[in-house]
Amino acid sequence: MIVINKWKEITKAGNKAFEEGRDNTAKQLYLVACHRAVKLYPHWLDGDSATAVLVISYQNLGDLYLRQSNHNGMLMVYRDLLNMLHNFDHNHRFNTDSTCQRIGTELIAKFKDVNYKSIETVKLFNEILDKYFNPTNHLIKDHN
């Protein structure tokens, strides 16, 4: 319980820094929250709570990068999150398929709102879609 409380404190402090426009502080706190979430994820008994902590941590960091117009950074955060969820789904007792689908929907919506997309950013976005959301991909294929 102490561990989750510390994660909550870090996340709240990061959110406060984000709201106040202190991006460097928010980034550092979000990175710490991500690190804690990853380290603890496989040890949690409650898969839904563990997944929520991991997703919140990474989405906060992704949202910060989006606000900074660091689109590659945002996409790399989401790619890393999806990769972790995929690996945990197969190596542990957590079912993360619906979470991955929700993240994909959110990522597509966020990416649509990006005005300027470099060739590198579009390529990275398409790689994420192809790897995690292509109908021939096992995340979807196993459930058809």
Protein backbone atom coordinates (compact mmCIF):
# COMPACT_ATOMS: atom_id res chain seq x y z
CA MET A 1 0.00 0.00 0.00
CA ILE A 2 2.88 2.35 0.75
CA VAL A 3 4.26 1.78 -2.74
CA ILE A 4 1.03 2.79 -4.48
CA ASN A 5 0.70 5.82 -2.21
CA LYS A 6 4.19 6.96 -3.21
CA TRP A 7 3.28 6.48 -6.89
CA LYS A 8 0.12 8.57 -6.34
CA GLU A 9 2.13 11.35 -4.68
CA ILE A 10 4.61 11.43 -7.55
CA THR A 11 1.83 11.40 -10.14
CA LYS A 12 -0.13 14.17 -8.41
CA ALA A 13 3.02 16.30 -8.15
CA GLY A 14 3.68 15.68 -11.85
CA ASN A 15 0.12 16.65 -12.74
CA LYS A 16 0.42 19.84 -10.69
CA ALA A 17 3.68 20.74 -12.42
CA PHE A 18 2.03 19.99 -15.80
CA GLU A 19 -0.94 22.24 -14.98
CA GLU A 20 1.42 25.03 -13.90
CA GLY A 21 3.45 24.74 -17.11
CA ARG A 22 6.58 23.46 -15.37
CA ASP A 23 7.27 20.90 -18.07
CA ASN A 24 10.78 19.86 -17.00
CA THR A 25 9.58 19.09 -13.48
CA ALA A 26 6.51 17.29 -14.80
CA LYS A 27 8.67 15.21 -17.14
CA GLN A 28 11.02 14.15 -14.36
CA LEU A 29 8.13 13.19 -12.09
CA TYR A 30 6.32 11.33 -14.87
CA LEU A 31 9.50 9.41 -15.69
CA VAL A 32 9.81 8.37 -12.04
CA ALA A 33 6.15 7.29 -12.02
CA CYS A 34 6.72 5.25 -15.20
CA HIS A 35 9.78 3.60 -13.72
CA ARG A 36 7.91 2.67 -10.54
CA ALA A 37 4.94 1.35 -12.49
CA VAL A 38 7.13 -0.86 -14.70
CA LYS A 39 9.10 -2.19 -11.77
CA LEU A 40 5.99 -3.10 -9.79
CA TYR A 41 3.65 -4.19 -12.60
CA PRO A 42 4.42 -7.92 -12.68
CA HIS A 43 4.20 -8.22 -8.90
CA TRP A 44 0.68 -6.87 -8.43
CA LEU A 45 -2.13 -9.26 -7.63
CA ASP A 46 -4.83 -7.02 -9.10
CA GLY A 47 -4.20 -6.94 -12.84
CA ASP A 48 -6.68 -4.15 -13.56
CA SER A 49 -5.13 -1.80 -10.99
CA ALA A 50 -1.63 -2.65 -12.13
CA THR A 51 -2.55 -1.96 -15.74
CA ALA A 52 -4.23 1.33 -14.81
CA VAL A 53 -1.12 2.54 -12.96
CA LEU A 54 1.10 1.65 -15.91
CA VAL A 55 -1.21 3.25 -18.47
CA ILE A 56 -1.74 6.45 -16.47
CA SER A 57 1.99 6.85 -15.96
CA TYR A 58 2.80 6.53 -19.64
CA GLN A 59 -0.17 8.53 -20.90
CA ASN A 60 0.80 11.43 -18.64
CA LEU A 61 4.27 11.46 -20.18
CA GLY A 62 2.80 11.12 -23.68
CA ASP A 63 0.43 14.03 -23.07
CA LEU A 64 3.35 16.18 -21.94
CA TYR A 65 5.25 15.39 -25.13
CA LEU A 66 2.14 16.13 -27.19
CA ARG A 67 1.77 19.52 -25.54
CA GLN A 68 5.41 20.23 -26.36
CA SER A 69 4.81 19.18 -30.00
CA ASN A 70 7.32 16.35 -29.46
CA HIS A 71 5.27 13.96 -31.58
CA ASN A 72 8.02 11.38 -31.94
CA GLY A 73 8.46 11.37 -28.17
CA MET A 74 4.73 10.88 -27.69
CA LEU A 75 4.63 8.02 -30.17
CA MET A 76 7.66 6.34 -28.61
CA VAL A 77 5.98 6.51 -25.20
CA TYR A 78 2.86 4.87 -26.59
CA ARG A 79 4.91 2.29 -28.50
CA ASP A 80 6.79 1.38 -25.32
CA LEU A 81 3.54 1.16 -23.36
CA LEU A 82 1.91 -1.10 -25.94
CA ASN A 83 5.01 -3.28 -26.07
CA MET A 84 5.03 -3.69 -22.29
CA LEU A 85 1.33 -4.48 -22.16
CA HIS A 86 1.75 -7.01 -24.95
CA ASN A 87 4.67 -8.68 -23.16
CA PHE A 88 2.91 -8.71 -19.80
CA ASP A 89 -0.23 -10.14 -21.41
CA HIS A 90 1.76 -13.10 -22.70
CA ASN A 91 4.14 -13.58 -19.79
CA HIS A 92 1.83 -12.95 -16.83
CA ARG A 93 -1.74 -13.49 -15.80
CA PHE A 94 -3.09 -10.14 -17.01
CA ASN A 95 -5.37 -9.77 -20.02
CA THR A 96 -4.47 -6.46 -21.60
CA ASP A 97 -6.09 -6.81 -25.04
CA SER A 98 -8.98 -4.41 -24.37
CA THR A 99 -6.59 -1.90 -22.81
CA CYS A 100 -4.36 -2.03 -25.90
CA GLN A 101 -7.36 -1.47 -28.16
CA ARG A 102 -8.48 1.55 -26.10
CA ILE A 103 -4.95 2.98 -26.20
CA GLY A 104 -4.91 2.52 -29.97
CA THR A 105 -8.18 4.39 -30.33
CA GLU A 106 -6.87 7.25 -28.16
CA LEU A 107 -3.58 7.37 -30.04
CA ILE A 108 -5.33 7.58 -33.41
CA ALA A 109 -7.54 10.42 -32.13
CA LYS A 110 -4.56 12.33 -30.72
CA PHE A 111 -2.55 11.86 -33.89
CA LYS A 112 -5.42 13.17 -36.05
CA ASP A 113 -5.27 16.45 -34.10
CA VAL A 114 -1.55 16.94 -34.82
CA ASN A 115 -1.24 19.66 -37.45
CA TYR A 116 2.35 19.12 -38.54
CA LYS A 117 3.51 15.57 -39.08
CA SER A 118 7.06 14.93 -40.19
CA ILE A 119 7.84 11.97 -42.42
CA GLU A 120 9.60 10.32 -39.47
CA THR A 121 6.57 10.82 -37.23
CA VAL A 122 4.16 9.39 -39.79
CA LYS A 123 6.46 6.40 -40.31
CA LEU A 124 6.61 5.72 -36.56
CA PHE A 125 2.83 6.08 -36.25
CA ASN A 126 2.27 3.63 -39.11
CA GLU A 127 4.74 1.15 -37.60
CA ILE A 128 2.80 1.23 -34.31
CA LEU A 129 -0.50 0.72 -36.12
CA ASP A 130 0.90 -2.13 -38.18
CA LYS A 131 2.50 -3.91 -35.24
CA TYR A 132 -0.29 -3.58 -32.71
CA PHE A 133 -3.49 -2.99 -34.65
CA ASN A 134 -3.12 -4.77 -37.98
CA PRO A 135 -5.83 -7.46 -38.34
CA THR A 136 -3.16 -10.06 -39.04
CA ASN A 137 -1.51 -9.20 -35.75
CA HIS A 138 -2.09 -11.77 -33.00
CA LEU A 139 -3.56 -9.17 -30.63
CA ILE A 140 -6.60 -8.98 -32.89
CA LYS A 141 -6.39 -12.31 -34.73
CA ASP A 142 -6.70 -14.35 -31.52
CA HIS A 143 -10.06 -12.75 -30.78
CA ASN A 144 -11.74 -12.96 -34.22
